[in-house]
Amino acid sequence: MNTRPIIVVGAAVGLLASAFAVRKLWENPEVRNRVRGMLPEGHRIADDQVDISSEDSFPASDPPSFTPTNAVRA
């Protein structure tokens, strides 16, 4: 019996579960504040930079409600 596919599937499931757990932890404000407290002064977290840039560019970052096409039918 070849156990390699089972190991690969198990590793993938473990990775997904870990990513989900970290994401859920990061949503907790207490956890975010603890992590920020461990960072050196002046260090910014990349997610915060993306959120700030996204808010600054609103509504220009919104996609158009439709995309016109100029297709010619045969």
C-alpha atoms as a PDB file:
ATOM      1  CA  MET A   1       0.000   0.000   0.000  1.00  0.00           C
ATOM      2  CA  ASN A   2       1.313   3.424  -0.974  1.00  0.00           C
ATOM      3  CA  THR A   3       0.946   5.857   1.936  1.00  0.00           C
ATOM      4  CA  ARG A   4       2.320   8.911   0.140  1.00  0.00           C
ATOM      5  CA  PRO A   5      -1.104  10.244  -1.037  1.00  0.00           C
ATOM      6  CA  ILE A   6      -2.448   9.904   2.516  1.00  0.00           C
ATOM      7  CA  ILE A   7       0.501  11.879   3.891  1.00  0.00           C
ATOM      8  CA  VAL A   8       0.059  14.618   1.269  1.00  0.00           C
ATOM      9  CA  VAL A   9      -3.674  14.921   1.971  1.00  0.00           C
ATOM     10  CA  GLY A  10      -3.040  14.956   5.716  1.00  0.00           C
ATOM     11  CA  ALA A  11      -0.436  17.691   5.352  1.00  0.00           C
ATOM     12  CA  ALA A  12      -2.792  19.778   3.196  1.00  0.00           C
ATOM     13  CA  VAL A  13      -5.636  19.423   5.694  1.00  0.00           C
ATOM     14  CA  GLY A  14      -3.301  20.348   8.554  1.00  0.00           C
ATOM     15  CA  LEU A  15      -2.061  23.418   6.696  1.00  0.00           C
ATOM     16  CA  LEU A  16      -5.606  24.593   5.963  1.00  0.00           C
ATOM     17  CA  ALA A  17      -6.658  24.042   9.573  1.00  0.00           C
ATOM     18  CA  SER A  18      -3.643  26.004  10.807  1.00  0.00           C
ATOM     19  CA  ALA A  19      -4.349  28.882   8.435  1.00  0.00           C
ATOM     20  CA  PHE A  20      -7.987  28.988   9.552  1.00  0.00           C
ATOM     21  CA  ALA A  21      -6.976  28.994  13.229  1.00  0.00           C
ATOM     22  CA  VAL A  22      -4.477  31.826  12.734  1.00  0.00           C
ATOM     23  CA  ARG A  23      -7.048  33.851  10.813  1.00  0.00           C
ATOM     24  CA  LYS A  24      -9.622  33.421  13.566  1.00  0.00           C
ATOM     25  CA  LEU A  25      -7.074  34.384  16.219  1.00  0.00           C
ATOM     26  CA  TRP A  26      -6.077  37.480  14.248  1.00  0.00           C
ATOM     27  CA  GLU A  27      -9.727  38.669  14.248  1.00  0.00           C
ATOM     28  CA  ASN A  28      -9.573  38.897  18.059  1.00  0.00           C
ATOM     29  CA  PRO A  29      -8.599  42.474  19.064  1.00  0.00           C
ATOM     30  CA  GLU A  30      -6.826  41.269  22.218  1.00  0.00           C
ATOM     31  CA  VAL A  31      -4.547  38.992  20.209  1.00  0.00           C
ATOM     32  CA  ARG A  32      -3.825  41.762  17.666  1.00  0.00           C
ATOM     33  CA  ASN A  33      -2.878  44.169  20.457  1.00  0.00           C
ATOM     34  CA  ARG A  34      -0.546  41.601  22.048  1.00  0.00           C
ATOM     35  CA  VAL A  35       1.207  41.007  18.728  1.00  0.00           C
ATOM     36  CA  ARG A  36       1.539  44.745  18.129  1.00  0.00           C
ATOM     37  CA  GLY A  37       3.041  45.099  21.606  1.00  0.00           C
ATOM     38  CA  MET A  38       5.813  42.652  20.687  1.00  0.00           C
ATOM     39  CA  LEU A  39       6.823  44.554  17.525  1.00  0.00           C
ATOM     40  CA  PRO A  40       9.538  47.219  17.520  1.00  0.00           C
ATOM     41  CA  GLU A  41       8.504  50.877  17.600  1.00  0.00           C
ATOM     42  CA  GLY A  42       7.399  52.259  14.260  1.00  0.00           C
ATOM     43  CA  HIS A  43       6.784  48.823  12.747  1.00  0.00           C
ATOM     44  CA  ARG A  44       3.502  48.535  10.870  1.00  0.00           C
ATOM     45  CA  ILE A  45       1.632  45.388  10.038  1.00  0.00           C
ATOM     46  CA  ALA A  46       1.067  44.911   6.296  1.00  0.00           C
ATOM     47  CA  ASP A  47      -2.686  44.297   6.710  1.00  0.00           C
ATOM     48  CA  ASP A  48      -3.089  47.689   8.341  1.00  0.00           C
ATOM     49  CA  GLN A  49      -1.258  49.372   5.474  1.00  0.00           C
ATOM     50  CA  VAL A  50      -3.529  47.676   2.942  1.00  0.00           C
ATOM     51  CA  ASP A  51      -6.650  48.635   4.909  1.00  0.00           C
ATOM     52  CA  ILE A  52      -5.539  52.263   5.178  1.00  0.00           C
ATOM     53  CA  SER A  53      -4.700  52.463   1.467  1.00  0.00           C
ATOM     54  CA  SER A  54      -8.011  50.873   0.573  1.00  0.00           C
ATOM     55  CA  GLU A  55      -9.950  53.359   2.705  1.00  0.00           C
ATOM     56  CA  ASP A  56      -7.973  56.292   1.287  1.00  0.00           C
ATOM     57  CA  SER A  57      -8.728  55.307  -2.315  1.00  0.00           C
ATOM     58  CA  PHE A  58     -12.457  54.743  -1.801  1.00  0.00           C
ATOM     59  CA  PRO A  59     -14.574  54.972  -4.034  1.00  0.00           C
ATOM     60  CA  ALA A  60     -11.967  54.990  -6.801  1.00  0.00           C
ATOM     61  CA  SER A  61     -11.029  51.404  -5.968  1.00  0.00           C
ATOM     62  CA  ASP A  62     -14.563  50.149  -6.610  1.00  0.00           C
ATOM     63  CA  PRO A  63     -14.961  48.279  -9.902  1.00  0.00           C
ATOM     64  CA  PRO A  64     -17.443  49.602 -12.466  1.00  0.00           C
ATOM     65  CA  SER A  65     -20.956  48.188 -12.278  1.00  0.00           C
ATOM     66  CA  PHE A  66     -20.685  46.793 -15.812  1.00  0.00           C
ATOM     67  CA  THR A  67     -18.076  46.246 -18.485  1.00  0.00           C
ATOM     68  CA  PRO A  68     -19.115  47.298 -21.991  1.00  0.00           C
ATOM     69  CA  THR A  69     -18.026  45.067 -24.829  1.00  0.00           C
ATOM     70  CA  ASN A  70     -17.630  45.713 -28.528  1.00  0.00           C
ATOM     71  CA  ALA A  71     -17.982  42.161 -29.786  1.00  0.00           C
ATOM     72  CA  VAL A  72     -19.225  41.604 -33.317  1.00  0.00           C
ATOM     73  CA  ARG A  73     -21.416  38.576 -33.820  1.00  0.00           C
ATOM     74  CA  ALA A  74     -20.829  36.383 -36.851  1.00  0.00           C
END
